[in-house]
Amino acid sequence: MYRIILVVLLLTVLYLLLRQMFRGFTTPIRDGRKKSDSQVQEEEQDQMIEDPVCHIFVPKRIALIETIGGREYCFCSQECSVKFRSEHPV
């Protein structure tokens, strides 16, 4: 009788240990909640934007953003901004 109880106890402990170990390998289930405004803003800031002059992709977070002729442009540097303004006068 004691052997059966001991085997059941050991199998239960083994099951719990294996379940805990494999939990780290699974992806979390999304609960369907909407993203907060700060999460949306962070994702938007991490978006890669192409510089219209040198065609380098830079994160919007560090890009130089200027409004030229009513349109917003993102540049990788001040030099690209100046070059763009000289090639496209308003």
N, C-alpha and C. Protein backbone atom coordinates (compact mmCIF):
# COMPACT_ATOMS: atom_id res chain seq x y z
N MET A 1 0.82 -1.19 0.00
CA MET A 1 0.00 0.00 0.00
C MET A 1 0.87 1.26 0.00
N TYR A 2 1.94 1.22 0.81
CA TYR A 2 2.82 2.38 0.87
C TYR A 2 3.53 2.62 -0.45
N ARG A 3 3.80 1.53 -1.16
CA ARG A 3 4.47 1.67 -2.45
C ARG A 3 3.59 2.43 -3.45
N ILE A 4 2.31 2.15 -3.45
CA ILE A 4 1.39 2.82 -4.37
C ILE A 4 1.32 4.32 -4.05
N ILE A 5 1.22 4.65 -2.78
CA ILE A 5 1.17 6.05 -2.37
C ILE A 5 2.48 6.75 -2.74
N LEU A 6 3.59 6.11 -2.52
CA LEU A 6 4.89 6.68 -2.86
C LEU A 6 5.03 6.89 -4.37
N VAL A 7 4.58 5.93 -5.17
CA VAL A 7 4.65 6.05 -6.63
C VAL A 7 3.75 7.19 -7.11
N VAL A 8 2.55 7.29 -6.59
CA VAL A 8 1.64 8.37 -6.98
C VAL A 8 2.24 9.72 -6.59
N LEU A 9 2.81 9.82 -5.43
CA LEU A 9 3.43 11.06 -4.97
C LEU A 9 4.61 11.44 -5.87
N LEU A 10 5.46 10.50 -6.20
CA LEU A 10 6.60 10.76 -7.08
C LEU A 10 6.16 11.15 -8.48
N LEU A 11 5.13 10.49 -9.01
CA LEU A 11 4.62 10.84 -10.32
C LEU A 11 4.02 12.25 -10.33
N THR A 12 3.36 12.63 -9.25
CA THR A 12 2.79 13.97 -9.14
C THR A 12 3.90 15.01 -9.12
N VAL A 13 4.93 14.78 -8.34
CA VAL A 13 6.05 15.71 -8.28
C VAL A 13 6.75 15.79 -9.63
N LEU A 14 6.94 14.67 -10.30
CA LEU A 14 7.56 14.65 -11.62
C LEU A 14 6.71 15.43 -12.63
N TYR A 15 5.40 15.25 -12.58
CA TYR A 15 4.50 15.97 -13.47
C TYR A 15 4.61 17.48 -13.24
N LEU A 16 4.60 17.92 -11.98
CA LEU A 16 4.69 19.34 -11.68
C LEU A 16 6.02 19.94 -12.13
N LEU A 17 7.10 19.21 -11.94
CA LEU A 17 8.41 19.69 -12.37
C LEU A 17 8.49 19.81 -13.89
N LEU A 18 7.99 18.81 -14.61
CA LEU A 18 8.01 18.85 -16.07
C LEU A 18 7.12 19.97 -16.60
N ARG A 19 5.97 20.15 -15.99
CA ARG A 19 5.08 21.22 -16.42
C ARG A 19 5.72 22.59 -16.23
N GLN A 20 6.38 22.78 -15.10
CA GLN A 20 7.06 24.05 -14.83
C GLN A 20 8.21 24.27 -15.80
N MET A 21 8.94 23.22 -16.14
CA MET A 21 10.07 23.33 -17.04
C MET A 21 9.62 23.70 -18.45
N PHE A 22 8.56 23.08 -18.94
CA PHE A 22 8.10 23.33 -20.30
C PHE A 22 7.27 24.59 -20.43
N ARG A 23 6.86 25.18 -19.35
CA ARG A 23 6.09 26.43 -19.41
C ARG A 23 6.92 27.56 -20.01
N GLY A 24 8.21 27.55 -19.80
CA GLY A 24 9.07 28.59 -20.33
C GLY A 24 9.20 28.54 -21.84
N PHE A 25 8.93 27.39 -22.47
CA PHE A 25 9.07 27.24 -23.90
C PHE A 25 7.81 27.63 -24.67
N THR A 26 6.72 27.81 -24.00
CA THR A 26 5.48 28.17 -24.69
C THR A 26 5.34 29.67 -24.74
N THR A 27 4.65 30.16 -25.76
CA THR A 27 4.39 31.58 -25.86
C THR A 27 3.16 31.92 -25.05
N PRO A 28 3.13 33.10 -24.47
CA PRO A 28 1.96 33.47 -23.67
C PRO A 28 0.73 33.65 -24.56
N ILE A 29 -0.40 33.31 -24.01
CA ILE A 29 -1.66 33.45 -24.73
C ILE A 29 -2.13 34.89 -24.60
N ARG A 30 -2.48 35.49 -25.73
CA ARG A 30 -2.98 36.87 -25.68
C ARG A 30 -4.40 36.86 -25.14
N ASP A 31 -4.67 37.81 -24.28
CA ASP A 31 -5.98 37.84 -23.65
C ASP A 31 -6.96 38.75 -24.37
N GLY A 32 -6.59 39.27 -25.53
CA GLY A 32 -7.52 40.04 -26.32
C GLY A 32 -7.66 41.50 -25.90
N ARG A 33 -6.86 41.93 -24.94
CA ARG A 33 -6.94 43.33 -24.52
C ARG A 33 -6.29 44.22 -25.56
N LYS A 34 -6.79 45.43 -25.66
CA LYS A 34 -6.21 46.41 -26.57
C LYS A 34 -4.89 46.90 -25.99
N LYS A 35 -4.02 47.34 -26.88
CA LYS A 35 -2.75 47.91 -26.44
C LYS A 35 -2.99 49.29 -25.87
N SER A 36 -2.20 49.63 -24.87
CA SER A 36 -2.34 50.96 -24.28
C SER A 36 -1.76 52.00 -25.23
N ASP A 37 -2.10 53.24 -24.98
CA ASP A 37 -1.62 54.34 -25.82
C ASP A 37 -0.10 54.42 -25.81
N SER A 38 0.51 54.15 -24.66
CA SER A 38 1.97 54.22 -24.58
C SER A 38 2.61 53.10 -25.39
N GLN A 39 2.01 51.90 -25.40
CA GLN A 39 2.54 50.80 -26.21
C GLN A 39 2.42 51.11 -27.69
N VAL A 40 1.32 51.69 -28.11
CA VAL A 40 1.14 52.06 -29.51
C VAL A 40 2.14 53.13 -29.89
N GLN A 41 2.35 54.10 -29.02
CA GLN A 41 3.29 55.18 -29.30
C GLN A 41 4.72 54.64 -29.38
N GLU A 42 5.09 53.71 -28.51
CA GLU A 42 6.42 53.12 -28.57
C GLU A 42 6.63 52.36 -29.87
N GLU A 43 5.63 51.60 -30.30
CA GLU A 43 5.74 50.86 -31.55
C GLU A 43 5.86 51.81 -32.73
N GLU A 44 5.13 52.91 -32.68
CA GLU A 44 5.20 53.90 -33.76
C GLU A 44 6.58 54.55 -33.79
N GLN A 45 7.15 54.80 -32.62
CA GLN A 45 8.48 55.42 -32.56
C GLN A 45 9.57 54.46 -33.02
N ASP A 46 9.35 53.16 -32.91
CA ASP A 46 10.33 52.17 -33.35
C ASP A 46 10.20 51.84 -34.83
N GLN A 47 9.22 52.41 -35.48
CA GLN A 47 9.00 52.16 -36.91
C GLN A 47 10.18 52.70 -37.70
N MET A 48 10.64 51.92 -38.69
CA MET A 48 11.76 52.33 -39.52
C MET A 48 11.25 53.20 -40.67
N ILE A 49 11.88 54.36 -40.85
CA ILE A 49 11.49 55.33 -41.86
C ILE A 49 12.66 55.50 -42.83
N GLU A 50 12.36 55.58 -44.14
CA GLU A 50 13.40 55.74 -45.14
C GLU A 50 13.68 57.22 -45.38
N ASP A 51 14.95 57.57 -45.34
CA ASP A 51 15.38 58.93 -45.66
C ASP A 51 15.19 59.14 -47.16
N PRO A 52 14.50 60.24 -47.58
CA PRO A 52 14.23 60.44 -49.01
C PRO A 52 15.48 60.82 -49.82
N VAL A 53 16.56 61.19 -49.17
CA VAL A 53 17.77 61.62 -49.89
C VAL A 53 18.73 60.46 -50.07
N CYS A 54 19.17 59.87 -48.97
CA CYS A 54 20.19 58.81 -49.05
C CYS A 54 19.60 57.40 -48.96
N HIS A 55 18.29 57.31 -48.74
CA HIS A 55 17.54 56.04 -48.70
C HIS A 55 18.02 55.10 -47.59
N ILE A 56 18.50 55.65 -46.51
CA ILE A 56 18.87 54.87 -45.34
C ILE A 56 17.64 54.78 -44.43
N PHE A 57 17.41 53.62 -43.85
CA PHE A 57 16.30 53.45 -42.92
C PHE A 57 16.77 53.78 -41.51
N VAL A 58 16.02 54.64 -40.84
CA VAL A 58 16.32 55.04 -39.47
C VAL A 58 15.06 54.90 -38.63
N PRO A 59 15.20 54.58 -37.33
CA PRO A 59 14.01 54.54 -36.48
C PRO A 59 13.42 55.93 -36.33
N LYS A 60 12.12 56.01 -36.35
CA LYS A 60 11.44 57.30 -36.27
C LYS A 60 11.81 58.03 -34.98
N ARG A 61 12.17 57.27 -33.97
CA ARG A 61 12.54 57.83 -32.67
C ARG A 61 13.76 58.75 -32.78
N ILE A 62 14.72 58.42 -33.65
CA ILE A 62 15.94 59.23 -33.74
C ILE A 62 16.02 60.03 -35.04
N ALA A 63 15.00 59.92 -35.89
CA ALA A 63 15.01 60.64 -37.17
C ALA A 63 14.78 62.13 -36.95
N LEU A 64 15.33 62.91 -37.86
CA LEU A 64 15.11 64.35 -37.86
C LEU A 64 13.84 64.60 -38.68
N ILE A 65 12.76 65.01 -38.01
CA ILE A 65 11.46 65.15 -38.66
C ILE A 65 11.22 66.63 -38.97
N GLU A 66 10.96 66.90 -40.25
CA GLU A 66 10.70 68.28 -40.68
C GLU A 66 9.47 68.31 -41.57
N THR A 67 8.72 69.40 -41.48
CA THR A 67 7.56 69.61 -42.34
C THR A 67 7.97 70.56 -43.45
N ILE A 68 7.90 70.07 -44.68
CA ILE A 68 8.30 70.86 -45.85
C ILE A 68 7.15 70.85 -46.83
N GLY A 69 6.64 72.02 -47.16
CA GLY A 69 5.52 72.12 -48.09
C GLY A 69 4.26 71.43 -47.60
N GLY A 70 4.03 71.43 -46.29
CA GLY A 70 2.85 70.83 -45.70
C GLY A 70 2.93 69.32 -45.55
N ARG A 71 4.08 68.73 -45.88
CA ARG A 71 4.25 67.29 -45.77
C ARG A 71 5.40 66.99 -44.80
N GLU A 72 5.26 65.94 -44.03
CA GLU A 72 6.26 65.58 -43.04
C GLU A 72 7.29 64.63 -43.66
N TYR A 73 8.57 64.96 -43.50
CA TYR A 73 9.67 64.14 -44.00
C TYR A 73 10.57 63.77 -42.83
N CYS A 74 11.15 62.58 -42.90
CA CYS A 74 12.07 62.11 -41.87
C CYS A 74 13.45 61.93 -42.49
N PHE A 75 14.46 62.51 -41.86
CA PHE A 75 15.82 62.47 -42.36
C PHE A 75 16.74 61.81 -41.35
N CYS A 76 17.83 61.24 -41.88
CA CYS A 76 18.80 60.60 -40.99
C CYS A 76 19.76 61.62 -40.39
N SER A 77 19.93 62.76 -41.06
CA SER A 77 20.86 63.78 -40.57
C SER A 77 20.46 65.16 -41.06
N GLN A 78 21.10 66.17 -40.49
CA GLN A 78 20.85 67.55 -40.90
C GLN A 78 21.33 67.78 -42.33
N GLU A 79 22.42 67.11 -42.73
CA GLU A 79 22.94 67.26 -44.08
C GLU A 79 21.93 66.79 -45.12
N CYS A 80 21.26 65.68 -44.87
CA CYS A 80 20.24 65.19 -45.80
C CYS A 80 19.06 66.15 -45.86
N SER A 81 18.72 66.74 -44.73
CA SER A 81 17.62 67.71 -44.70
C SER A 81 17.96 68.93 -45.56
N VAL A 82 19.17 69.44 -45.42
CA VAL A 82 19.59 70.62 -46.19
C VAL A 82 19.63 70.28 -47.68
N LYS A 83 20.15 69.10 -48.01
CA LYS A 83 20.22 68.69 -49.42
C LYS A 83 18.81 68.56 -50.01
N PHE A 84 17.89 68.00 -49.25
CA PHE A 84 16.52 67.84 -49.71
C PHE A 84 15.87 69.21 -49.95
N ARG A 85 16.07 70.14 -49.02
CA ARG A 85 15.50 71.48 -49.17
C ARG A 85 16.07 72.19 -50.40
N SER A 86 17.36 71.97 -50.69
CA SER A 86 17.94 72.63 -51.87
C SER A 86 17.43 72.02 -53.17
N GLU A 87 17.13 70.72 -53.16
CA GLU A 87 16.64 70.06 -54.37
C GLU A 87 15.14 70.25 -54.57
N HIS A 88 14.40 70.51 -53.49
CA HIS A 88 12.94 70.66 -53.55
C HIS A 88 12.53 71.98 -52.90
N PRO A 89 12.70 73.09 -53.62
CA PRO A 89 12.28 74.38 -53.03
C PRO A 89 10.76 74.43 -52.89
N VAL A 90 10.30 75.10 -51.87
CA VAL A 90 8.85 75.18 -51.61
C VAL A 90 8.18 76.15 -52.52
